[in-house]
Amino acid sequence: MSLLKLENFDHEKFKIRTIKNYEDFKKAEEMELYSSYMTDIKNFIEKTMMFVNEHSKTFENERAILLKDANLLQKQKNNQSYSKDKHKNNKFNDEY
């Protein structure tokens, strides 16, 4: 994802690094996790590999689509990690 956000984006460098990371990813044993975030990550990886193998000449449309999906994944991840303390004032009440 970080390569997609660079100002001086290089398609060939992106392609080489993505293929290398995908090979490392495939070495790990697959485990089914039934969460929407994990399903979306799997779909993002499949879409990225499809774009790496079959892309346009400039790769600009594919890059825009992948950036949008990557940002949505980051947003989904961040939403899961934040929680609001409803009763934060009562939490540290030590009766003094």
PDB file of N, CA and C in Angstrom:
ATOM      1  N   MET A   1       0.818  -1.197   0.000  1.00  0.00           N
ATOM      2  CA  MET A   1       0.000   0.000   0.000  1.00  0.00           C
ATOM      3  C   MET A   1       0.856   1.253   0.000  1.00  0.00           C
ATOM      4  N   SER A   2       1.995   1.201   0.670  1.00  0.00           N
ATOM      5  CA  SER A   2       2.823   2.406   0.754  1.00  0.00           C
ATOM      6  C   SER A   2       3.396   2.798  -0.602  1.00  0.00           C
ATOM      7  N   LEU A   3       3.688   1.830  -1.453  1.00  0.00           N
ATOM      8  CA  LEU A   3       4.197   2.157  -2.788  1.00  0.00           C
ATOM      9  C   LEU A   3       3.153   2.882  -3.636  1.00  0.00           C
ATOM     10  N   LEU A   4       1.887   2.568  -3.435  1.00  0.00           N
ATOM     11  CA  LEU A   4       0.829   3.216  -4.207  1.00  0.00           C
ATOM     12  C   LEU A   4       0.716   4.698  -3.875  1.00  0.00           C
ATOM     13  N   LYS A   5       1.068   5.071  -2.647  1.00  0.00           N
ATOM     14  CA  LYS A   5       0.895   6.444  -2.188  1.00  0.00           C
ATOM     15  C   LYS A   5       2.053   7.363  -2.549  1.00  0.00           C
ATOM     16  N   LEU A   6       3.140   6.821  -3.074  1.00  0.00           N
ATOM     17  CA  LEU A   6       4.300   7.632  -3.395  1.00  0.00           C
ATOM     18  C   LEU A   6       4.021   8.595  -4.549  1.00  0.00           C
ATOM     19  N   GLU A   7       4.616   9.775  -4.461  1.00  0.00           N
ATOM     20  CA  GLU A   7       4.478  10.768  -5.531  1.00  0.00           C
ATOM     21  C   GLU A   7       5.113  10.273  -6.828  1.00  0.00           C
ATOM     22  N   ASN A   8       6.318   9.723  -6.723  1.00  0.00           N
ATOM     23  CA  ASN A   8       7.030   9.214  -7.907  1.00  0.00           C
ATOM     24  C   ASN A   8       6.800   7.708  -8.037  1.00  0.00           C
ATOM     25  N   PHE A   9       5.553   7.349  -8.281  1.00  0.00           N
ATOM     26  CA  PHE A   9       5.144   5.952  -8.387  1.00  0.00           C
ATOM     27  C   PHE A   9       5.802   5.295  -9.596  1.00  0.00           C
ATOM     28  N   ASP A  10       6.426   4.130  -9.368  1.00  0.00           N
ATOM     29  CA  ASP A  10       7.061   3.368 -10.441  1.00  0.00           C
ATOM     30  C   ASP A  10       6.336   2.038 -10.577  1.00  0.00           C
ATOM     31  N   HIS A  11       5.681   1.851 -11.715  1.00  0.00           N
ATOM     32  CA  HIS A  11       4.866   0.653 -11.924  1.00  0.00           C
ATOM     33  C   HIS A  11       5.706  -0.621 -11.876  1.00  0.00           C
ATOM     34  N   GLU A  12       6.866  -0.608 -12.482  1.00  0.00           N
ATOM     35  CA  GLU A  12       7.708  -1.816 -12.516  1.00  0.00           C
ATOM     36  C   GLU A  12       8.185  -2.203 -11.123  1.00  0.00           C
ATOM     37  N   LYS A  13       8.580  -1.225 -10.328  1.00  0.00           N
ATOM     38  CA  LYS A  13       9.008  -1.492  -8.950  1.00  0.00           C
ATOM     39  C   LYS A  13       7.842  -2.057  -8.135  1.00  0.00           C
ATOM     40  N   PHE A  14       6.649  -1.475  -8.337  1.00  0.00           N
ATOM     41  CA  PHE A  14       5.455  -1.960  -7.657  1.00  0.00           C
ATOM     42  C   PHE A  14       5.162  -3.409  -8.040  1.00  0.00           C
ATOM     43  N   LYS A  15       5.266  -3.700  -9.325  1.00  0.00           N
ATOM     44  CA  LYS A  15       4.977  -5.044  -9.827  1.00  0.00           C
ATOM     45  C   LYS A  15       5.954  -6.060  -9.234  1.00  0.00           C
ATOM     46  N   ILE A  16       7.244  -5.754  -9.234  1.00  0.00           N
ATOM     47  CA  ILE A  16       8.258  -6.670  -8.708  1.00  0.00           C
ATOM     48  C   ILE A  16       8.046  -6.922  -7.217  1.00  0.00           C
ATOM     49  N   ARG A  17       7.843  -5.848  -6.456  1.00  0.00           N
ATOM     50  CA  ARG A  17       7.670  -6.008  -5.009  1.00  0.00           C
ATOM     51  C   ARG A  17       6.369  -6.726  -4.661  1.00  0.00           C
ATOM     52  N   THR A  18       5.310  -6.464  -5.418  1.00  0.00           N
ATOM     53  CA  THR A  18       4.028  -7.121  -5.163  1.00  0.00           C
ATOM     54  C   THR A  18       4.133  -8.622  -5.420  1.00  0.00           C
ATOM     55  N   ILE A  19       4.777  -8.999  -6.497  1.00  0.00           N
ATOM     56  CA  ILE A  19       4.939 -10.426  -6.806  1.00  0.00           C
ATOM     57  C   ILE A  19       5.788 -11.105  -5.734  1.00  0.00           C
ATOM     58  N   LYS A  20       6.860 -10.453  -5.283  1.00  0.00           N
ATOM     59  CA  LYS A  20       7.711 -11.009  -4.228  1.00  0.00           C
ATOM     60  C   LYS A  20       6.924 -11.192  -2.932  1.00  0.00           C
ATOM     61  N   ASN A  21       6.154 -10.170  -2.538  1.00  0.00           N
ATOM     62  CA  ASN A  21       5.355 -10.266  -1.316  1.00  0.00           C
ATOM     63  C   ASN A  21       4.273 -11.325  -1.436  1.00  0.00           C
ATOM     64  N   TYR A  22       3.699 -11.462  -2.618  1.00  0.00           N
ATOM     65  CA  TYR A  22       2.661 -12.469  -2.829  1.00  0.00           C
ATOM     66  C   TYR A  22       3.243 -13.875  -2.694  1.00  0.00           C
ATOM     67  N   GLU A  23       4.453 -14.095  -3.194  1.00  0.00           N
ATOM     68  CA  GLU A  23       5.108 -15.403  -3.046  1.00  0.00           C
ATOM     69  C   GLU A  23       5.354 -15.715  -1.577  1.00  0.00           C
ATOM     70  N   ASP A  24       5.793 -14.724  -0.800  1.00  0.00           N
ATOM     71  CA  ASP A  24       5.982 -14.920   0.644  1.00  0.00           C
ATOM     72  C   ASP A  24       4.647 -15.196   1.329  1.00  0.00           C
ATOM     73  N   PHE A  25       3.619 -14.500   0.892  1.00  0.00           N
ATOM     74  CA  PHE A  25       2.280 -14.667   1.446  1.00  0.00           C
ATOM     75  C   PHE A  25       1.754 -16.083   1.200  1.00  0.00           C
ATOM     76  N   LYS A  26       2.011 -16.622   0.017  1.00  0.00           N
ATOM     77  CA  LYS A  26       1.506 -17.955  -0.335  1.00  0.00           C
ATOM     78  C   LYS A  26       2.211 -19.065   0.438  1.00  0.00           C
ATOM     79  N   LYS A  27       3.391 -18.796   0.988  1.00  0.00           N
ATOM     80  CA  LYS A  27       4.117 -19.802   1.766  1.00  0.00           C
ATOM     81  C   LYS A  27       3.422 -20.099   3.094  1.00  0.00           C
ATOM     82  N   ALA A  28       2.688 -19.138   3.609  1.00  0.00           N
ATOM     83  CA  ALA A  28       2.001 -19.312   4.887  1.00  0.00           C
ATOM     84  C   ALA A  28       0.757 -20.178   4.696  1.00  0.00           C
ATOM     85  N   GLU A  29       0.434 -20.929   5.728  1.00  0.00           N
ATOM     86  CA  GLU A  29      -0.752 -21.781   5.682  1.00  0.00           C
ATOM     87  C   GLU A  29      -2.008 -20.913   5.771  1.00  0.00           C
ATOM     88  N   GLU A  30      -2.975 -21.196   4.897  1.00  0.00           N
ATOM     89  CA  GLU A  30      -4.201 -20.408   4.872  1.00  0.00           C
ATOM     90  C   GLU A  30      -5.151 -20.890   5.953  1.00  0.00           C
ATOM     91  N   MET A  31      -5.763 -19.936   6.635  1.00  0.00           N
ATOM     92  CA  MET A  31      -6.713 -20.245   7.692  1.00  0.00           C
ATOM     93  C   MET A  31      -7.955 -19.392   7.466  1.00  0.00           C
ATOM     94  N   GLU A  32      -9.102 -19.989   7.553  1.00  0.00           N
ATOM     95  CA  GLU A  32     -10.352 -19.259   7.344  1.00  0.00           C
ATOM     96  C   GLU A  32     -10.695 -18.444   8.587  1.00  0.00           C
ATOM     97  N   LEU A  33     -10.795 -17.149   8.415  1.00  0.00           N
ATOM     98  CA  LEU A  33     -11.231 -16.243   9.466  1.00  0.00           C
ATOM     99  C   LEU A  33     -12.481 -15.542   8.962  1.00  0.00           C
ATOM    100  N   TYR A  34     -13.523 -15.618   9.730  1.00  0.00           N
ATOM    101  CA  TYR A  34     -14.804 -15.115   9.271  1.00  0.00           C
ATOM    102  C   TYR A  34     -15.058 -13.707   9.808  1.00  0.00           C
ATOM    103  N   SER A  35     -14.274 -12.783   9.356  1.00  0.00           N
ATOM    104  CA  SER A  35     -14.525 -11.383   9.679  1.00  0.00           C
ATOM    105  C   SER A  35     -14.545 -10.607   8.373  1.00  0.00           C
ATOM    106  N   SER A  36     -15.277  -9.536   8.384  1.00  0.00           N
ATOM    107  CA  SER A  36     -15.393  -8.751   7.154  1.00  0.00           C
ATOM    108  C   SER A  36     -14.051  -8.124   6.781  1.00  0.00           C
ATOM    109  N   TYR A  37     -13.247  -7.750   7.768  1.00  0.00           N
ATOM    110  CA  TYR A  37     -11.950  -7.143   7.489  1.00  0.00           C
ATOM    111  C   TYR A  37     -11.028  -8.137   6.783  1.00  0.00           C
ATOM    112  N   MET A  38     -10.968  -9.363   7.262  1.00  0.00           N
ATOM    113  CA  MET A  38     -10.101 -10.373   6.641  1.00  0.00           C
ATOM    114  C   MET A  38     -10.581 -10.736   5.241  1.00  0.00           C
ATOM    115  N   THR A  39     -11.878 -10.787   5.056  1.00  0.00           N
ATOM    116  CA  THR A  39     -12.432 -11.048   3.726  1.00  0.00           C
ATOM    117  C   THR A  39     -12.068  -9.917   2.768  1.00  0.00           C
ATOM    118  N   ASP A  40     -12.150  -8.678   3.252  1.00  0.00           N
ATOM    119  CA  ASP A  40     -11.805  -7.531   2.407  1.00  0.00           C
ATOM    120  C   ASP A  40     -10.320  -7.514   2.071  1.00  0.00           C
ATOM    121  N   ILE A  41      -9.467  -7.914   3.006  1.00  0.00           N
ATOM    122  CA  ILE A  41      -8.028  -7.982   2.722  1.00  0.00           C
ATOM    123  C   ILE A  41      -7.754  -9.032   1.653  1.00  0.00           C
ATOM    124  N   LYS A  42      -8.401 -10.173   1.776  1.00  0.00           N
ATOM    125  CA  LYS A  42      -8.216 -11.235   0.779  1.00  0.00           C
ATOM    126  C   LYS A  42      -8.668 -10.760  -0.604  1.00  0.00           C
ATOM    127  N   ASN A  43      -9.792 -10.060  -0.662  1.00  0.00           N
ATOM    128  CA  ASN A  43     -10.282  -9.523  -1.934  1.00  0.00           C
ATOM    129  C   ASN A  43      -9.327  -8.471  -2.487  1.00  0.00           C
ATOM    130  N   PHE A  44      -8.746  -7.653  -1.608  1.00  0.00           N
ATOM    131  CA  PHE A  44      -7.785  -6.639  -2.041  1.00  0.00           C
ATOM    132  C   PHE A  44      -6.543  -7.293  -2.640  1.00  0.00           C
ATOM    133  N   ILE A  45      -6.061  -8.347  -2.022  1.00  0.00           N
ATOM    134  CA  ILE A  45      -4.881  -9.051  -2.525  1.00  0.00           C
ATOM    135  C   ILE A  45      -5.176  -9.659  -3.891  1.00  0.00           C
ATOM    136  N   GLU A  46      -6.346 -10.283  -4.040  1.00  0.00           N
ATOM    137  CA  GLU A  46      -6.715 -10.881  -5.326  1.00  0.00           C
ATOM    138  C   GLU A  46      -6.846  -9.812  -6.413  1.00  0.00           C
ATOM    139  N   LYS A  47      -7.451  -8.671  -6.075  1.00  0.00           N
ATOM    140  CA  LYS A  47      -7.615  -7.589  -7.045  1.00  0.00           C
ATOM    141  C   LYS A  47      -6.247  -7.014  -7.428  1.00  0.00           C
ATOM    142  N   THR A  48      -5.354  -6.871  -6.451  1.00  0.00           N
ATOM    143  CA  THR A  48      -4.018  -6.351  -6.731  1.00  0.00           C
ATOM    144  C   THR A  48      -3.268  -7.275  -7.674  1.00  0.00           C
ATOM    145  N   MET A  49      -3.332  -8.564  -7.428  1.00  0.00           N
ATOM    146  CA  MET A  49      -2.641  -9.517  -8.296  1.00  0.00           C
ATOM    147  C   MET A  49      -3.260  -9.537  -9.689  1.00  0.00           C
ATOM    148  N   MET A  50      -4.561  -9.374  -9.788  1.00  0.00           N
ATOM    149  CA  MET A  50      -5.201  -9.318 -11.100  1.00  0.00           C
ATOM    150  C   MET A  50      -4.700  -8.094 -11.870  1.00  0.00           C
ATOM    151  N   PHE A  51      -4.599  -6.943 -11.181  1.00  0.00           N
ATOM    152  CA  PHE A  51      -4.109  -5.727 -11.831  1.00  0.00           C
ATOM    153  C   PHE A  51      -2.640  -5.824 -12.196  1.00  0.00           C
ATOM    154  N   VAL A  52      -1.856  -6.524 -11.400  1.00  0.00           N
ATOM    155  CA  VAL A  52      -0.431  -6.686 -11.716  1.00  0.00           C
ATOM    156  C   VAL A  52      -0.270  -7.532 -12.968  1.00  0.00           C
ATOM    157  N   ASN A  53      -1.072  -8.570 -13.098  1.00  0.00           N
ATOM    158  CA  ASN A  53      -0.969  -9.458 -14.252  1.00  0.00           C
ATOM    159  C   ASN A  53      -1.618  -8.889 -15.506  1.00  0.00           C
ATOM    160  N   GLU A  54      -2.731  -8.159 -15.357  1.00  0.00           N
ATOM    161  CA  GLU A  54      -3.450  -7.596 -16.499  1.00  0.00           C
ATOM    162  C   GLU A  54      -3.714  -6.118 -16.217  1.00  0.00           C
ATOM    163  N   HIS A  55      -2.913  -5.250 -16.800  1.00  0.00           N
ATOM    164  CA  HIS A  55      -3.037  -3.826 -16.512  1.00  0.00           C
ATOM    165  C   HIS A  55      -2.966  -3.018 -17.795  1.00  0.00           C
ATOM    166  N   SER A  56      -3.347  -1.764 -17.642  1.00  0.00           N
ATOM    167  CA  SER A  56      -3.254  -0.847 -18.785  1.00  0.00           C
ATOM    168  C   SER A  56      -1.812  -0.357 -18.917  1.00  0.00           C
ATOM    169  N   LYS A  57      -1.577   0.421 -19.945  1.00  0.00           N
ATOM    170  CA  LYS A  57      -0.220   0.888 -20.219  1.00  0.00           C
ATOM    171  C   LYS A  57       0.302   1.833 -19.135  1.00  0.00           C
ATOM    172  N   THR A  58      -0.542   2.737 -18.675  1.00  0.00           N
ATOM    173  CA  THR A  58      -0.094   3.730 -17.692  1.00  0.00           C
ATOM    174  C   THR A  58      -0.308   3.293 -16.248  1.00  0.00           C
ATOM    175  N   PHE A  59      -1.184   2.356 -15.999  1.00  0.00           N
ATOM    176  CA  PHE A  59      -1.506   1.822 -14.669  1.00  0.00           C
ATOM    177  C   PHE A  59      -2.175   2.867 -13.772  1.00  0.00           C
ATOM    178  N   GLU A  60      -2.595   4.011 -14.317  1.00  0.00           N
ATOM    179  CA  GLU A  60      -3.191   5.070 -13.505  1.00  0.00           C
ATOM    180  C   GLU A  60      -4.573   4.683 -12.968  1.00  0.00           C
ATOM    181  N   ASN A  61      -5.423   4.100 -13.813  1.00  0.00           N
ATOM    182  CA  ASN A  61      -6.760   3.694 -13.345  1.00  0.00           C
ATOM    183  C   ASN A  61      -6.662   2.622 -12.280  1.00  0.00           C
ATOM    184  N   GLU A  62      -5.797   1.651 -12.502  1.00  0.00           N
ATOM    185  CA  GLU A  62      -5.624   0.572 -11.532  1.00  0.00           C
ATOM    186  C   GLU A  62      -5.083   1.118 -10.208  1.00  0.00           C
ATOM    187  N   ARG A  63      -4.142   2.053 -10.310  1.00  0.00           N
ATOM    188  CA  ARG A  63      -3.568   2.653  -9.099  1.00  0.00           C
ATOM    189  C   ARG A  63      -4.646   3.393  -8.309  1.00  0.00           C
ATOM    190  N   ALA A  64      -5.508   4.130  -8.986  1.00  0.00           N
ATOM    191  CA  ALA A  64      -6.581   4.874  -8.318  1.00  0.00           C
ATOM    192  C   ALA A  64      -7.542   3.922  -7.614  1.00  0.00           C
ATOM    193  N   ILE A  65      -7.892   2.831  -8.267  1.00  0.00           N
ATOM    194  CA  ILE A  65      -8.803   1.851  -7.664  1.00  0.00           C
ATOM    195  C   ILE A  65      -8.153   1.212  -6.450  1.00  0.00           C
ATOM    196  N   LEU A  66      -6.877   0.820  -6.566  1.00  0.00           N
ATOM    197  CA  LEU A  66      -6.181   0.195  -5.441  1.00  0.00           C
ATOM    198  C   LEU A  66      -5.992   1.166  -4.278  1.00  0.00           C
ATOM    199  N   LEU A  67      -5.724   2.425  -4.579  1.00  0.00           N
ATOM    200  CA  LEU A  67      -5.594   3.424  -3.513  1.00  0.00           C
ATOM    201  C   LEU A  67      -6.906   3.605  -2.763  1.00  0.00           C
ATOM    202  N   LYS A  68      -7.992   3.646  -3.497  1.00  0.00           N
ATOM    203  CA  LYS A  68      -9.306   3.794  -2.862  1.00  0.00           C
ATOM    204  C   LYS A  68      -9.588   2.593  -1.954  1.00  0.00           C
ATOM    205  N   ASP A  69      -9.351   1.391  -2.463  1.00  0.00           N
ATOM    206  CA  ASP A  69      -9.585   0.191  -1.663  1.00  0.00           C
ATOM    207  C   ASP A  69      -8.662   0.128  -0.447  1.00  0.00           C
ATOM    208  N   ALA A  70      -7.408   0.540  -0.616  1.00  0.00           N
ATOM    209  CA  ALA A  70      -6.460   0.536   0.502  1.00  0.00           C
ATOM    210  C   ALA A  70      -6.894   1.525   1.583  1.00  0.00           C
ATOM    211  N   ASN A  71      -7.376   2.686   1.170  1.00  0.00           N
ATOM    212  CA  ASN A  71      -7.853   3.665   2.142  1.00  0.00           C
ATOM    213  C   ASN A  71      -9.091   3.171   2.880  1.00  0.00           C
ATOM    214  N   LEU A  72      -9.980   2.484   2.173  1.00  0.00           N
ATOM    215  CA  LEU A  72     -11.161   1.913   2.827  1.00  0.00           C
ATOM    216  C   LEU A  72     -10.771   0.830   3.830  1.00  0.00           C
ATOM    217  N   LEU A  73      -9.752   0.035   3.484  1.00  0.00           N
ATOM    218  CA  LEU A  73      -9.269  -0.982   4.427  1.00  0.00           C
ATOM    219  C   LEU A  73      -8.677  -0.335   5.677  1.00  0.00           C
ATOM    220  N   GLN A  74      -7.892   0.717   5.505  1.00  0.00           N
ATOM    221  CA  GLN A  74      -7.320   1.429   6.652  1.00  0.00           C
ATOM    222  C   GLN A  74      -8.422   2.012   7.526  1.00  0.00           C
ATOM    223  N   LYS A  75      -9.445   2.565   6.908  1.00  0.00           N
ATOM    224  CA  LYS A  75     -10.563   3.142   7.653  1.00  0.00           C
ATOM    225  C   LYS A  75     -11.295   2.066   8.442  1.00  0.00           C
ATOM    226  N   GLN A  76     -11.511   0.913   7.816  1.00  0.00           N
ATOM    227  CA  GLN A  76     -12.188  -0.191   8.492  1.00  0.00           C
ATOM    228  C   GLN A  76     -11.352  -0.699   9.665  1.00  0.00           C
ATOM    229  N   LYS A  77     -10.044  -0.800   9.482  1.00  0.00           N
ATOM    230  CA  LYS A  77      -9.153  -1.244  10.554  1.00  0.00           C
ATOM    231  C   LYS A  77      -9.171  -0.257  11.718  1.00  0.00           C
ATOM    232  N   ASN A  78      -9.117   1.034  11.407  1.00  0.00           N
ATOM    233  CA  ASN A  78      -9.125   2.048  12.459  1.00  0.00           C
ATOM    234  C   ASN A  78     -10.443   2.088  13.212  1.00  0.00           C
ATOM    235  N   ASN A  79     -11.550   1.879  12.524  1.00  0.00           N
ATOM    236  CA  ASN A  79     -12.852   1.875  13.195  1.00  0.00           C
ATOM    237  C   ASN A  79     -12.969   0.738  14.192  1.00  0.00           C
ATOM    238  N   GLN A  80     -12.312  -0.376  13.928  1.00  0.00           N
ATOM    239  CA  GLN A  80     -12.381  -1.513  14.835  1.00  0.00           C
ATOM    240  C   GLN A  80     -11.509  -1.316  16.067  1.00  0.00           C
ATOM    241  N   SER A  81     -10.492  -0.475  15.971  1.00  0.00           N
ATOM    242  CA  SER A  81      -9.563  -0.346  17.088  1.00  0.00           C
ATOM    243  C   SER A  81      -9.964   0.747  18.079  1.00  0.00           C
ATOM    244  N   TYR A  82     -10.818   1.657  17.688  1.00  0.00           N
ATOM    245  CA  TYR A  82     -11.234   2.726  18.588  1.00  0.00           C
ATOM    246  C   TYR A  82     -12.528   2.362  19.293  1.00  0.00           C
ATOM    247  N   SER A  83     -12.560   2.642  20.592  1.00  0.00           N
ATOM    248  CA  SER A  83     -13.803   2.451  21.321  1.00  0.00           C
ATOM    249  C   SER A  83     -13.972   3.621  22.284  1.00  0.00           C
ATOM    250  N   LYS A  84     -15.174   4.032  22.458  1.00  0.00           N
ATOM    251  CA  LYS A  84     -15.470   5.175  23.304  1.00  0.00           C
ATOM    252  C   LYS A  84     -15.704   4.702  24.735  1.00  0.00           C
ATOM    253  N   ASP A  85     -15.102   5.400  25.678  1.00  0.00           N
ATOM    254  CA  ASP A  85     -15.357   5.125  27.090  1.00  0.00           C
ATOM    255  C   ASP A  85     -16.639   5.846  27.497  1.00  0.00           C
ATOM    256  N   LYS A  86     -17.666   5.086  27.756  1.00  0.00           N
ATOM    257  CA  LYS A  86     -18.940   5.700  28.107  1.00  0.00           C
ATOM    258  C   LYS A  86     -18.899   6.320  29.502  1.00  0.00           C
ATOM    259  N   HIS A  87     -18.266   5.623  30.414  1.00  0.00           N
ATOM    260  CA  HIS A  87     -18.270   6.060  31.804  1.00  0.00           C
ATOM    261  C   HIS A  87     -16.853   6.316  32.282  1.00  0.00           C
ATOM    262  N   LYS A  88     -16.101   7.100  31.551  1.00  0.00           N
ATOM    263  CA  LYS A  88     -14.700   7.308  31.895  1.00  0.00           C
ATOM    264  C   LYS A  88     -14.540   8.098  33.194  1.00  0.00           C
ATOM    265  N   ASN A  89     -15.500   8.934  33.558  1.00  0.00           N
ATOM    266  CA  ASN A  89     -15.395   9.688  34.807  1.00  0.00           C
ATOM    267  C   ASN A  89     -15.592   8.792  36.021  1.00  0.00           C
ATOM    268  N   ASN A  90     -16.360   7.731  35.901  1.00  0.00           N
ATOM    269  CA  ASN A  90     -16.600   6.827  37.021  1.00  0.00           C
ATOM    270  C   ASN A  90     -15.505   5.783  37.185  1.00  0.00           C
ATOM    271  N   LYS A  91     -14.688   5.621  36.199  1.00  0.00           N
ATOM    272  CA  LYS A  91     -13.677   4.562  36.200  1.00  0.00           C
ATOM    273  C   LYS A  91     -12.642   4.767  37.304  1.00  0.00           C
ATOM    274  N   PHE A  92     -12.207   6.000  37.549  1.00  0.00           N
ATOM    275  CA  PHE A  92     -11.131   6.251  38.495  1.00  0.00           C
ATOM    276  C   PHE A  92     -11.648   6.899  39.794  1.00  0.00           C
ATOM    277  N   ASN A  93     -12.864   6.635  40.135  1.00  0.00           N
ATOM    278  CA  ASN A  93     -13.432   7.173  41.353  1.00  0.00           C
ATOM    279  C   ASN A  93     -12.910   6.351  42.539  1.00  0.00           C
ATOM    280  N   ASP A  94     -12.007   6.947  43.338  1.00  0.00           N
ATOM    281  CA  ASP A  94     -11.430   6.214  44.460  1.00  0.00           C
ATOM    282  C   ASP A  94     -11.962   6.697  45.806  1.00  0.00           C
ATOM    283  N   GLU A  95     -13.145   7.329  45.819  1.00  0.00           N
ATOM    284  CA  GLU A  95     -13.877   7.727  47.015  1.00  0.00           C
ATOM    285  C   GLU A  95     -13.199   8.836  47.815  1.00  0.00           C
ATOM    286  N   TYR A  96     -12.338   9.625  47.255  1.00  0.00           N
ATOM    287  CA  TYR A  96     -11.739  10.752  47.974  1.00  0.00           C
ATOM    288  C   TYR A  96     -12.362  12.030  47.548  1.00  0.00           C
TER     289      TYR A  96
END
